């Protein structure tokens, strides 16, 4: 997670200019991924602090709504996750994009060397009540410069219906996906080449409050890190559950323990059901 955040911004960018400015950055990242694949050292040994390393490599159609979000700021470039909620809109975390210069979204990117779609972002809407200090209302909606072509590798996720408002999801098994750091080496390049996902159980906000007493609210969902944990570069990524055979987006990853992703502290996410009206009013996503 980035330690410093910038002021809110909602502007319109030029798709052609964005592609030109970011193409060299994307090429550099992809070249770096190929180099890492050749020279990577031995994986860390199994142990009680092994976290995102427990992630499973996603196949081409396992998490087709997952989006890579490459964000350029005036002084640096950052990568985080997102979720395709309509053909024109990505839901992500505000702390990923607040103060951005240009943004490019990657879809169908289970392998970063075979990305299906690169689409520039035309505009960004950060939640008006977002706080970079408390990480509250940590959501943003990205409007794409063109509709995303749908396929078996690029799909729109289902949002929870209003019947789920007030539902805690306690003890549900979630799937969390992203291209963030795995903890296998220091200074690890983000994004990693392959999209990873892992299962994590929802814990009560009461138990999570012990770890984050100043930041947690009913608008958050917490998950255990026993089987895996989201890490640097995973912010904004999807947290889903399966109900009656249907995958539902219940949260967007927000933050974890600031001292490292491999510690046994809960992961904290933004609860989507608390923002359904805002999402519906500011996108063409379908809310039942």
C-alpha atoms as a PDB file:
ATOM      1  CA  UNK A   1       0.000   0.000   0.000  1.00  0.00           C
ATOM      2  CA  UNK A   2       1.269   3.466  -0.809  1.00  0.00           C
ATOM      3  CA  UNK A   3       2.239   5.458   2.254  1.00  0.00           C
ATOM      4  CA  UNK A   4       1.486   8.837   0.689  1.00  0.00           C
ATOM      5  CA  UNK A   5      -1.730   9.888  -1.025  1.00  0.00           C
ATOM      6  CA  UNK A   6      -2.640  12.850  -3.148  1.00  0.00           C
ATOM      7  CA  UNK A   7      -5.674  15.120  -3.289  1.00  0.00           C
ATOM      8  CA  UNK A   8      -8.888  14.100  -5.046  1.00  0.00           C
ATOM      9  CA  UNK A   9      -8.996  14.501  -8.786  1.00  0.00           C
ATOM     10  CA  UNK A  10     -11.719  13.938 -11.366  1.00  0.00           C
ATOM     11  CA  UNK A  11     -10.618  14.901 -14.860  1.00  0.00           C
ATOM     12  CA  UNK A  12     -10.841  13.797 -18.467  1.00  0.00           C
ATOM     13  CA  UNK A  13      -7.769  12.525 -20.295  1.00  0.00           C
ATOM     14  CA  UNK A  14      -6.926  12.004 -23.958  1.00  0.00           C
ATOM     15  CA  UNK A  15      -6.911   8.276 -24.881  1.00  0.00           C
ATOM     16  CA  UNK A  16      -4.383   8.802 -27.690  1.00  0.00           C
ATOM     17  CA  UNK A  17      -2.016  10.777 -25.452  1.00  0.00           C
ATOM     18  CA  UNK A  18      -2.407   8.209 -22.649  1.00  0.00           C
ATOM     19  CA  UNK A  19      -1.429   5.335 -24.921  1.00  0.00           C
ATOM     20  CA  UNK A  20       1.676   7.165 -26.123  1.00  0.00           C
ATOM     21  CA  UNK A  21       2.750   8.133 -22.606  1.00  0.00           C
ATOM     22  CA  UNK A  22       2.137   4.754 -21.031  1.00  0.00           C
ATOM     23  CA  UNK A  23       3.262   2.450 -23.829  1.00  0.00           C
ATOM     24  CA  UNK A  24       6.913   2.704 -22.795  1.00  0.00           C
ATOM     25  CA  UNK A  25       5.980   2.011 -19.159  1.00  0.00           C
ATOM     26  CA  UNK A  26       3.963  -1.062 -20.129  1.00  0.00           C
ATOM     27  CA  UNK A  27       6.765  -2.353 -22.348  1.00  0.00           C
ATOM     28  CA  UNK A  28       9.266  -1.898 -19.530  1.00  0.00           C
ATOM     29  CA  UNK A  29       7.070  -3.845 -17.109  1.00  0.00           C
ATOM     30  CA  UNK A  30       6.508  -6.704 -19.546  1.00  0.00           C
ATOM     31  CA  UNK A  31      10.220  -6.941 -20.373  1.00  0.00           C
ATOM     32  CA  UNK A  32      10.953  -7.007 -16.660  1.00  0.00           C
ATOM     33  CA  UNK A  33       8.488  -9.853 -16.194  1.00  0.00           C
ATOM     34  CA  UNK A  34      10.243 -11.909 -18.838  1.00  0.00           C
ATOM     35  CA  UNK A  35      13.622 -11.295 -17.181  1.00  0.00           C
ATOM     36  CA  UNK A  36      12.225 -12.274 -13.782  1.00  0.00           C
ATOM     37  CA  UNK A  37      10.881 -15.515 -15.236  1.00  0.00           C
ATOM     38  CA  UNK A  38      14.427 -16.426 -16.274  1.00  0.00           C
ATOM     39  CA  UNK A  39      16.491 -15.277 -13.284  1.00  0.00           C
ATOM     40  CA  UNK A  40      14.094 -15.667 -10.362  1.00  0.00           C
ATOM     41  CA  UNK A  41      15.653 -17.337  -7.328  1.00  0.00           C
ATOM     42  CA  UNK A  42      14.341 -20.188  -5.236  1.00  0.00           C
ATOM     43  CA  UNK A  43      10.930 -19.711  -3.609  1.00  0.00           C
ATOM     44  CA  UNK A  44      10.772 -19.062   0.115  1.00  0.00           C
ATOM     45  CA  UNK A  45      10.243 -22.185   2.240  1.00  0.00           C
ATOM     46  CA  UNK A  46       6.824 -23.055   3.586  1.00  0.00           C
ATOM     47  CA  UNK A  47       6.111 -21.659   7.028  1.00  0.00           C
ATOM     48  CA  UNK A  48       3.494 -20.056   9.248  1.00  0.00           C
ATOM     49  CA  UNK A  49       4.162 -16.579   7.802  1.00  0.00           C
ATOM     50  CA  UNK A  50       3.832 -17.680   4.194  1.00  0.00           C
ATOM     51  CA  UNK A  51       0.946 -15.605   2.836  1.00  0.00           C
ATOM     52  CA  UNK A  52       0.260 -14.637  -0.776  1.00  0.00           C
ATOM     53  CA  UNK A  53       2.649 -17.425  -1.786  1.00  0.00           C
ATOM     54  CA  UNK A  54      -0.295 -19.716  -1.163  1.00  0.00           C
ATOM     55  CA  UNK A  55      -2.010 -18.077  -4.126  1.00  0.00           C
ATOM     56  CA  UNK A  56      -3.144 -20.219  -7.017  1.00  0.00           C
ATOM     57  CA  UNK A  57      -2.218 -19.226 -10.556  1.00  0.00           C
ATOM     58  CA  UNK A  58      -5.423 -18.235 -12.318  1.00  0.00           C
ATOM     59  CA  UNK A  59      -6.312 -19.811 -15.622  1.00  0.00           C
ATOM     60  CA  UNK A  60      -7.510 -17.665 -18.548  1.00  0.00           C
ATOM     61  CA  UNK A  61     -11.173 -17.875 -17.483  1.00  0.00           C
ATOM     62  CA  UNK A  62     -10.913 -18.245 -13.693  1.00  0.00           C
ATOM     63  CA  UNK A  63     -11.233 -14.546 -12.769  1.00  0.00           C
ATOM     64  CA  UNK A  64     -12.291 -12.867 -16.041  1.00  0.00           C
ATOM     65  CA  UNK A  65     -13.556  -9.698 -14.311  1.00  0.00           C
ATOM     66  CA  UNK A  66     -10.169  -8.914 -12.754  1.00  0.00           C
ATOM     67  CA  UNK A  67      -8.563  -5.778 -14.158  1.00  0.00           C
ATOM     68  CA  UNK A  68      -4.999  -4.541 -13.902  1.00  0.00           C
ATOM     69  CA  UNK A  69      -4.850  -0.780 -13.324  1.00  0.00           C
ATOM     70  CA  UNK A  70      -1.627   1.001 -14.305  1.00  0.00           C
ATOM     71  CA  UNK A  71      -1.612   4.497 -12.810  1.00  0.00           C
ATOM     72  CA  UNK A  72       0.850   7.225 -13.717  1.00  0.00           C
ATOM     73  CA  UNK A  73       1.331  10.078 -11.251  1.00  0.00           C
ATOM     74  CA  UNK A  74       3.399  13.228 -11.855  1.00  0.00           C
ATOM     75  CA  UNK A  75       6.417  11.654 -10.146  1.00  0.00           C
ATOM     76  CA  UNK A  76       5.960   7.866 -10.350  1.00  0.00           C
ATOM     77  CA  UNK A  77       3.920   4.931 -11.633  1.00  0.00           C
ATOM     78  CA  UNK A  78       1.812   2.577  -9.546  1.00  0.00           C
ATOM     79  CA  UNK A  79      -0.084  -0.648 -10.193  1.00  0.00           C
ATOM     80  CA  UNK A  80      -3.227  -1.910  -8.492  1.00  0.00           C
ATOM     81  CA  UNK A  81      -6.279  -4.038  -9.189  1.00  0.00           C
ATOM     82  CA  UNK A  82      -9.845  -3.421 -10.248  1.00  0.00           C
ATOM     83  CA  UNK A  83     -13.046  -5.173 -11.261  1.00  0.00           C
ATOM     84  CA  UNK A  84     -15.038  -4.878 -14.486  1.00  0.00           C
ATOM     85  CA  UNK A  85     -18.588  -3.969 -13.359  1.00  0.00           C
ATOM     86  CA  UNK A  86     -19.872  -3.027 -16.831  1.00  0.00           C
ATOM     87  CA  UNK A  87     -18.384  -2.816 -20.295  1.00  0.00           C
ATOM     88  CA  UNK A  88     -17.473   0.823 -19.631  1.00  0.00           C
ATOM     89  CA  UNK A  89     -16.658   0.859 -15.914  1.00  0.00           C
ATOM     90  CA  UNK A  90     -14.047  -0.451 -13.480  1.00  0.00           C
ATOM     91  CA  UNK A  91     -14.527  -0.417  -9.704  1.00  0.00           C
ATOM     92  CA  UNK A  92     -11.295   0.067  -7.766  1.00  0.00           C
ATOM     93  CA  UNK A  93      -9.985   1.681  -4.585  1.00  0.00           C
ATOM     94  CA  UNK A  94      -9.692   5.448  -4.319  1.00  0.00           C
ATOM     95  CA  UNK A  95      -6.244   5.247  -2.733  1.00  0.00           C
ATOM     96  CA  UNK A  96      -4.935   3.685  -5.958  1.00  0.00           C
ATOM     97  CA  UNK A  97      -5.974   6.480  -8.297  1.00  0.00           C
ATOM     98  CA  UNK A  98      -6.370   9.633  -6.218  1.00  0.00           C
ATOM     99  CA  UNK A  99      -4.185  12.326  -7.798  1.00  0.00           C
ATOM    100  CA  UNK A 100      -3.492  10.355 -10.970  1.00  0.00           C
ATOM    101  CA  UNK A 101      -2.148  11.714 -14.250  1.00  0.00           C
ATOM    102  CA  UNK A 102      -3.041   8.904 -16.671  1.00  0.00           C
ATOM    103  CA  UNK A 103      -4.507   5.421 -16.224  1.00  0.00           C
ATOM    104  CA  UNK A 104      -4.511   2.356 -18.463  1.00  0.00           C
ATOM    105  CA  UNK A 105      -6.592  -0.742 -17.701  1.00  0.00           C
ATOM    106  CA  UNK A 106      -5.546  -4.265 -18.677  1.00  0.00           C
ATOM    107  CA  UNK A 107      -8.249  -6.898 -19.183  1.00  0.00           C
ATOM    108  CA  UNK A 108      -7.934 -10.603 -19.892  1.00  0.00           C
ATOM    109  CA  UNK A 109      -4.545 -10.415 -18.186  1.00  0.00           C
ATOM    110  CA  UNK A 110      -4.239 -13.717 -16.345  1.00  0.00           C
ATOM    111  CA  UNK A 111      -0.742 -13.662 -17.875  1.00  0.00           C
ATOM    112  CA  UNK A 112       0.799 -10.202 -18.252  1.00  0.00           C
ATOM    113  CA  UNK A 113       2.606 -11.289 -21.412  1.00  0.00           C
ATOM    114  CA  UNK A 114      -0.684 -12.121 -23.184  1.00  0.00           C
ATOM    115  CA  UNK A 115      -2.998  -9.268 -22.174  1.00  0.00           C
ATOM    116  CA  UNK A 116      -6.219  -9.317 -24.198  1.00  0.00           C
ATOM    117  CA  UNK A 117      -7.113  -5.619 -23.943  1.00  0.00           C
ATOM    118  CA  UNK A 118      -5.335  -2.356 -23.089  1.00  0.00           C
ATOM    119  CA  UNK A 119      -7.915   0.411 -22.587  1.00  0.00           C
ATOM    120  CA  UNK A 120      -7.215   3.950 -21.450  1.00  0.00           C
ATOM    121  CA  UNK A 121      -9.385   5.580 -18.806  1.00  0.00           C
ATOM    122  CA  UNK A 122     -11.415   8.610 -19.888  1.00  0.00           C
ATOM    123  CA  UNK A 123     -12.452   9.801 -16.428  1.00  0.00           C
ATOM    124  CA  UNK A 124     -12.168   8.940 -12.750  1.00  0.00           C
ATOM    125  CA  UNK A 125     -14.743   9.428 -10.016  1.00  0.00           C
ATOM    126  CA  UNK A 126     -13.369   9.144  -6.482  1.00  0.00           C
ATOM    127  CA  UNK A 127     -16.020   8.681  -3.801  1.00  0.00           C
ATOM    128  CA  UNK A 128     -16.773  12.178  -2.454  1.00  0.00           C
ATOM    129  CA  UNK A 129     -16.299  11.072   1.158  1.00  0.00           C
ATOM    130  CA  UNK A 130     -13.021   9.233   0.635  1.00  0.00           C
ATOM    131  CA  UNK A 131     -10.476   9.833   3.408  1.00  0.00           C
ATOM    132  CA  UNK A 132      -6.844   9.010   2.677  1.00  0.00           C
ATOM    133  CA  UNK A 133      -6.126   9.138   6.413  1.00  0.00           C
ATOM    134  CA  UNK A 134      -8.834   6.755   7.647  1.00  0.00           C
ATOM    135  CA  UNK A 135      -9.142   4.822   4.348  1.00  0.00           C
ATOM    136  CA  UNK A 136     -12.899   5.304   4.604  1.00  0.00           C
ATOM    137  CA  UNK A 137     -15.148   5.162   1.509  1.00  0.00           C
ATOM    138  CA  UNK A 138     -12.165   3.788  -0.391  1.00  0.00           C
ATOM    139  CA  UNK A 139     -13.824   3.420  -3.791  1.00  0.00           C
ATOM    140  CA  UNK A 140     -13.434   4.922  -7.238  1.00  0.00           C
ATOM    141  CA  UNK A 141     -15.170   4.324 -10.558  1.00  0.00           C
ATOM    142  CA  UNK A 142     -13.095   4.414 -13.745  1.00  0.00           C
ATOM    143  CA  UNK A 143     -14.871   5.151 -17.022  1.00  0.00           C
ATOM    144  CA  UNK A 144     -13.144   3.486 -19.964  1.00  0.00           C
ATOM    145  CA  UNK A 145     -12.478   5.334 -23.209  1.00  0.00           C
ATOM    146  CA  UNK A 146     -14.248   2.540 -25.110  1.00  0.00           C
ATOM    147  CA  UNK A 147     -16.401  -0.464 -24.202  1.00  0.00           C
ATOM    148  CA  UNK A 148     -14.515  -3.596 -23.203  1.00  0.00           C
ATOM    149  CA  UNK A 149     -15.065  -6.428 -25.706  1.00  0.00           C
ATOM    150  CA  UNK A 150     -16.508  -9.342 -23.741  1.00  0.00           C
ATOM    151  CA  UNK A 151     -15.325 -12.927 -24.135  1.00  0.00           C
ATOM    152  CA  UNK A 152     -14.673 -15.984 -22.002  1.00  0.00           C
ATOM    153  CA  UNK A 153     -11.551 -14.162 -20.724  1.00  0.00           C
ATOM    154  CA  UNK A 154     -13.183 -10.756 -20.184  1.00  0.00           C
ATOM    155  CA  UNK A 155     -16.472 -10.741 -18.293  1.00  0.00           C
ATOM    156  CA  UNK A 156     -18.536  -8.376 -16.163  1.00  0.00           C
ATOM    157  CA  UNK A 157     -18.894  -9.422 -12.521  1.00  0.00           C
ATOM    158  CA  UNK A 158     -22.294  -9.550 -10.841  1.00  0.00           C
ATOM    159  CA  UNK A 159     -22.897  -6.959  -8.144  1.00  0.00           C
ATOM    160  CA  UNK A 160     -24.805  -8.020  -5.024  1.00  0.00           C
ATOM    161  CA  UNK A 161     -28.520  -7.344  -5.045  1.00  0.00           C
ATOM    162  CA  UNK A 162     -30.069  -4.939  -2.572  1.00  0.00           C
ATOM    163  CA  UNK A 163     -31.313  -7.971  -0.644  1.00  0.00           C
ATOM    164  CA  UNK A 164     -27.733  -8.315   0.636  1.00  0.00           C
ATOM    165  CA  UNK A 165     -27.652  -4.853   2.202  1.00  0.00           C
ATOM    166  CA  UNK A 166     -26.958  -5.333   5.910  1.00  0.00           C
ATOM    167  CA  UNK A 167     -25.720  -8.888   5.342  1.00  0.00           C
ATOM    168  CA  UNK A 168     -22.420  -9.431   7.182  1.00  0.00           C
ATOM    169  CA  UNK A 169     -21.119 -12.339   5.051  1.00  0.00           C
ATOM    170  CA  UNK A 170     -19.454 -13.602   8.243  1.00  0.00           C
ATOM    171  CA  UNK A 171     -17.771 -16.990   7.749  1.00  0.00           C
ATOM    172  CA  UNK A 172     -18.277 -16.893   3.970  1.00  0.00           C
ATOM    173  CA  UNK A 173     -15.368 -18.144   1.893  1.00  0.00           C
ATOM    174  CA  UNK A 174     -14.146 -15.417  -0.445  1.00  0.00           C
ATOM    175  CA  UNK A 175     -11.868 -15.424  -3.453  1.00  0.00           C
ATOM    176  CA  UNK A 176      -9.331 -12.587  -3.582  1.00  0.00           C
ATOM    177  CA  UNK A 177      -7.291 -12.015  -6.739  1.00  0.00           C
ATOM    178  CA  UNK A 178      -4.462  -9.759  -7.831  1.00  0.00           C
ATOM    179  CA  UNK A 179      -1.032  -9.247  -9.359  1.00  0.00           C
ATOM    180  CA  UNK A 180       0.546  -7.848  -6.159  1.00  0.00           C
ATOM    181  CA  UNK A 181       3.740  -8.869  -4.426  1.00  0.00           C
ATOM    182  CA  UNK A 182       4.045 -12.512  -3.409  1.00  0.00           C
ATOM    183  CA  UNK A 183       6.660 -12.037  -0.688  1.00  0.00           C
ATOM    184  CA  UNK A 184       9.060 -14.404  -2.439  1.00  0.00           C
ATOM    185  CA  UNK A 185      11.762 -11.745  -2.768  1.00  0.00           C
ATOM    186  CA  UNK A 186      12.551  -8.217  -1.675  1.00  0.00           C
ATOM    187  CA  UNK A 187      11.984  -5.465  -4.209  1.00  0.00           C
ATOM    188  CA  UNK A 188       9.630  -7.680  -6.189  1.00  0.00           C
ATOM    189  CA  UNK A 189       8.357  -6.097  -9.402  1.00  0.00           C
ATOM    190  CA  UNK A 190       4.616  -5.376  -9.508  1.00  0.00           C
ATOM    191  CA  UNK A 191       2.656  -6.562 -11.371  1.00  0.00           C
ATOM    192  CA  UNK A 192       3.821 -10.145 -11.121  1.00  0.00           C
ATOM    193  CA  UNK A 193       3.470 -12.038 -14.365  1.00  0.00           C
ATOM    194  CA  UNK A 194       0.569 -14.316 -13.424  1.00  0.00           C
ATOM    195  CA  UNK A 195      -2.721 -13.389 -11.791  1.00  0.00           C
ATOM    196  CA  UNK A 196      -2.975 -15.153  -8.423  1.00  0.00           C
ATOM    197  CA  UNK A 197      -6.000 -15.875  -6.273  1.00  0.00           C
ATOM    198  CA  UNK A 198      -6.584 -17.454  -2.887  1.00  0.00           C
ATOM    199  CA  UNK A 199      -9.441 -18.312  -0.553  1.00  0.00           C
ATOM    200  CA  UNK A 200     -10.007 -16.326   2.624  1.00  0.00           C
ATOM    201  CA  UNK A 201     -12.802 -16.530   5.174  1.00  0.00           C
ATOM    202  CA  UNK A 202     -14.767 -13.462   6.257  1.00  0.00           C
ATOM    203  CA  UNK A 203     -14.289 -12.707   9.952  1.00  0.00           C
ATOM    204  CA  UNK A 204     -16.455 -10.529  12.157  1.00  0.00           C
ATOM    205  CA  UNK A 205     -15.832  -6.808  12.240  1.00  0.00           C
ATOM    206  CA  UNK A 206     -15.678  -7.086  16.022  1.00  0.00           C
ATOM    207  CA  UNK A 207     -12.631  -9.358  15.860  1.00  0.00           C
ATOM    208  CA  UNK A 208     -11.096  -7.199  13.139  1.00  0.00           C
ATOM    209  CA  UNK A 209     -11.604  -4.043  15.202  1.00  0.00           C
ATOM    210  CA  UNK A 210      -8.922  -5.247  17.613  1.00  0.00           C
ATOM    211  CA  UNK A 211      -6.344  -4.881  14.830  1.00  0.00           C
ATOM    212  CA  UNK A 212      -7.618  -1.617  13.335  1.00  0.00           C
ATOM    213  CA  UNK A 213      -9.517   0.287  16.063  1.00  0.00           C
ATOM    214  CA  UNK A 214      -9.199   3.716  14.419  1.00  0.00           C
ATOM    215  CA  UNK A 215     -10.021   2.768  10.866  1.00  0.00           C
ATOM    216  CA  UNK A 216     -12.646   0.039  10.744  1.00  0.00           C
ATOM    217  CA  UNK A 217     -16.366   0.692  10.240  1.00  0.00           C
ATOM    218  CA  UNK A 218     -19.490  -1.206   9.210  1.00  0.00           C
ATOM    219  CA  UNK A 219     -18.627  -0.253   5.630  1.00  0.00           C
ATOM    220  CA  UNK A 220     -15.684  -2.659   5.708  1.00  0.00           C
ATOM    221  CA  UNK A 221     -15.368  -6.419   5.292  1.00  0.00           C
ATOM    222  CA  UNK A 222     -12.449  -8.220   6.953  1.00  0.00           C
ATOM    223  CA  UNK A 223     -10.920 -11.524   5.920  1.00  0.00           C
ATOM    224  CA  UNK A 224      -8.542 -13.871   7.682  1.00  0.00           C
ATOM    225  CA  UNK A 225      -4.964 -14.187   6.421  1.00  0.00           C
ATOM    226  CA  UNK A 226      -4.522 -17.832   7.441  1.00  0.00           C
ATOM    227  CA  UNK A 227      -4.499 -19.022   3.823  1.00  0.00           C
ATOM    228  CA  UNK A 228      -3.233 -15.912   2.073  1.00  0.00           C
ATOM    229  CA  UNK A 229      -3.167 -12.134   2.171  1.00  0.00           C
ATOM    230  CA  UNK A 230      -3.431  -9.338  -0.348  1.00  0.00           C
ATOM    231  CA  UNK A 231      -0.197  -7.368  -0.623  1.00  0.00           C
ATOM    232  CA  UNK A 232       1.341  -4.322  -2.297  1.00  0.00           C
ATOM    233  CA  UNK A 233      -0.234  -3.962  -5.740  1.00  0.00           C
ATOM    234  CA  UNK A 234      -3.447  -5.807  -4.835  1.00  0.00           C
ATOM    235  CA  UNK A 235      -5.352  -2.714  -3.664  1.00  0.00           C
ATOM    236  CA  UNK A 236      -8.586  -2.254  -5.577  1.00  0.00           C
ATOM    237  CA  UNK A 237      -8.847  -5.913  -6.529  1.00  0.00           C
ATOM    238  CA  UNK A 238     -11.989  -8.071  -6.338  1.00  0.00           C
ATOM    239  CA  UNK A 239     -13.243  -9.906  -3.253  1.00  0.00           C
ATOM    240  CA  UNK A 240     -15.980 -12.312  -4.351  1.00  0.00           C
ATOM    241  CA  UNK A 241     -18.205 -15.054  -2.957  1.00  0.00           C
ATOM    242  CA  UNK A 242     -20.195 -17.761  -4.703  1.00  0.00           C
ATOM    243  CA  UNK A 243     -23.918 -18.033  -4.025  1.00  0.00           C
ATOM    244  CA  UNK A 244     -26.045 -20.626  -5.843  1.00  0.00           C
ATOM    245  CA  UNK A 245     -23.352 -21.029  -8.470  1.00  0.00           C
ATOM    246  CA  UNK A 246     -23.112 -17.281  -9.118  1.00  0.00           C
ATOM    247  CA  UNK A 247     -20.004 -15.223  -8.360  1.00  0.00           C
ATOM    248  CA  UNK A 248     -20.827 -11.956  -6.566  1.00  0.00           C
ATOM    249  CA  UNK A 249     -18.524  -9.019  -5.839  1.00  0.00           C
ATOM    250  CA  UNK A 250     -18.934  -8.246  -2.124  1.00  0.00           C
ATOM    251  CA  UNK A 251     -15.891  -6.032  -1.552  1.00  0.00           C
ATOM    252  CA  UNK A 252     -12.878  -4.228  -2.993  1.00  0.00           C
ATOM    253  CA  UNK A 253      -9.506  -4.721  -1.322  1.00  0.00           C
ATOM    254  CA  UNK A 254      -8.441  -1.631   0.630  1.00  0.00           C
ATOM    255  CA  UNK A 255      -5.567  -2.210   3.065  1.00  0.00           C
ATOM    256  CA  UNK A 256      -3.695  -4.497   5.451  1.00  0.00           C
ATOM    257  CA  UNK A 257      -1.082  -4.218   8.168  1.00  0.00           C
ATOM    258  CA  UNK A 258       1.372  -1.435   7.279  1.00  0.00           C
ATOM    259  CA  UNK A 259       4.438  -3.331   8.528  1.00  0.00           C
ATOM    260  CA  UNK A 260       4.152  -6.105   5.958  1.00  0.00           C
ATOM    261  CA  UNK A 261       1.820  -8.486   4.146  1.00  0.00           C
ATOM    262  CA  UNK A 262       3.198 -11.663   5.705  1.00  0.00           C
ATOM    263  CA  UNK A 263       2.008 -10.920   9.245  1.00  0.00           C
ATOM    264  CA  UNK A 264      -1.096 -12.518  10.710  1.00  0.00           C
ATOM    265  CA  UNK A 265      -3.287  -9.422  10.655  1.00  0.00           C
ATOM    266  CA  UNK A 266      -6.631  -9.334   8.837  1.00  0.00           C
ATOM    267  CA  UNK A 267      -7.067  -7.866   5.379  1.00  0.00           C
ATOM    268  CA  UNK A 268      -9.584  -5.028   5.167  1.00  0.00           C
ATOM    269  CA  UNK A 269     -11.852  -4.387   2.195  1.00  0.00           C
ATOM    270  CA  UNK A 270     -14.551  -1.879   1.235  1.00  0.00           C
ATOM    271  CA  UNK A 271     -18.047  -3.385   1.494  1.00  0.00           C
ATOM    272  CA  UNK A 272     -19.782  -3.030  -1.890  1.00  0.00           C
ATOM    273  CA  UNK A 273     -23.346  -3.370  -0.570  1.00  0.00           C
ATOM    274  CA  UNK A 274     -22.935  -0.049   1.262  1.00  0.00           C
ATOM    275  CA  UNK A 275     -22.348   1.749  -2.041  1.00  0.00           C
ATOM    276  CA  UNK A 276     -24.814   0.184  -4.474  1.00  0.00           C
ATOM    277  CA  UNK A 277     -26.793   3.394  -5.019  1.00  0.00           C
ATOM    278  CA  UNK A 278     -23.617   5.418  -5.605  1.00  0.00           C
ATOM    279  CA  UNK A 279     -22.328   2.802  -8.058  1.00  0.00           C
ATOM    280  CA  UNK A 280     -25.651   2.649  -9.904  1.00  0.00           C
ATOM    281  CA  UNK A 281     -25.915   6.447 -10.137  1.00  0.00           C
ATOM    282  CA  UNK A 282     -22.400   6.848 -11.519  1.00  0.00           C
ATOM    283  CA  UNK A 283     -22.045   3.925 -13.914  1.00  0.00           C
ATOM    284  CA  UNK A 284     -24.128   1.692 -16.144  1.00  0.00           C
ATOM    285  CA  UNK A 285     -23.538  -1.316 -13.883  1.00  0.00           C
ATOM    286  CA  UNK A 286     -26.656  -3.368 -13.200  1.00  0.00           C
ATOM    287  CA  UNK A 287     -27.872  -3.494  -9.593  1.00  0.00           C
ATOM    288  CA  UNK A 288     -30.808  -5.807  -8.916  1.00  0.00           C
END
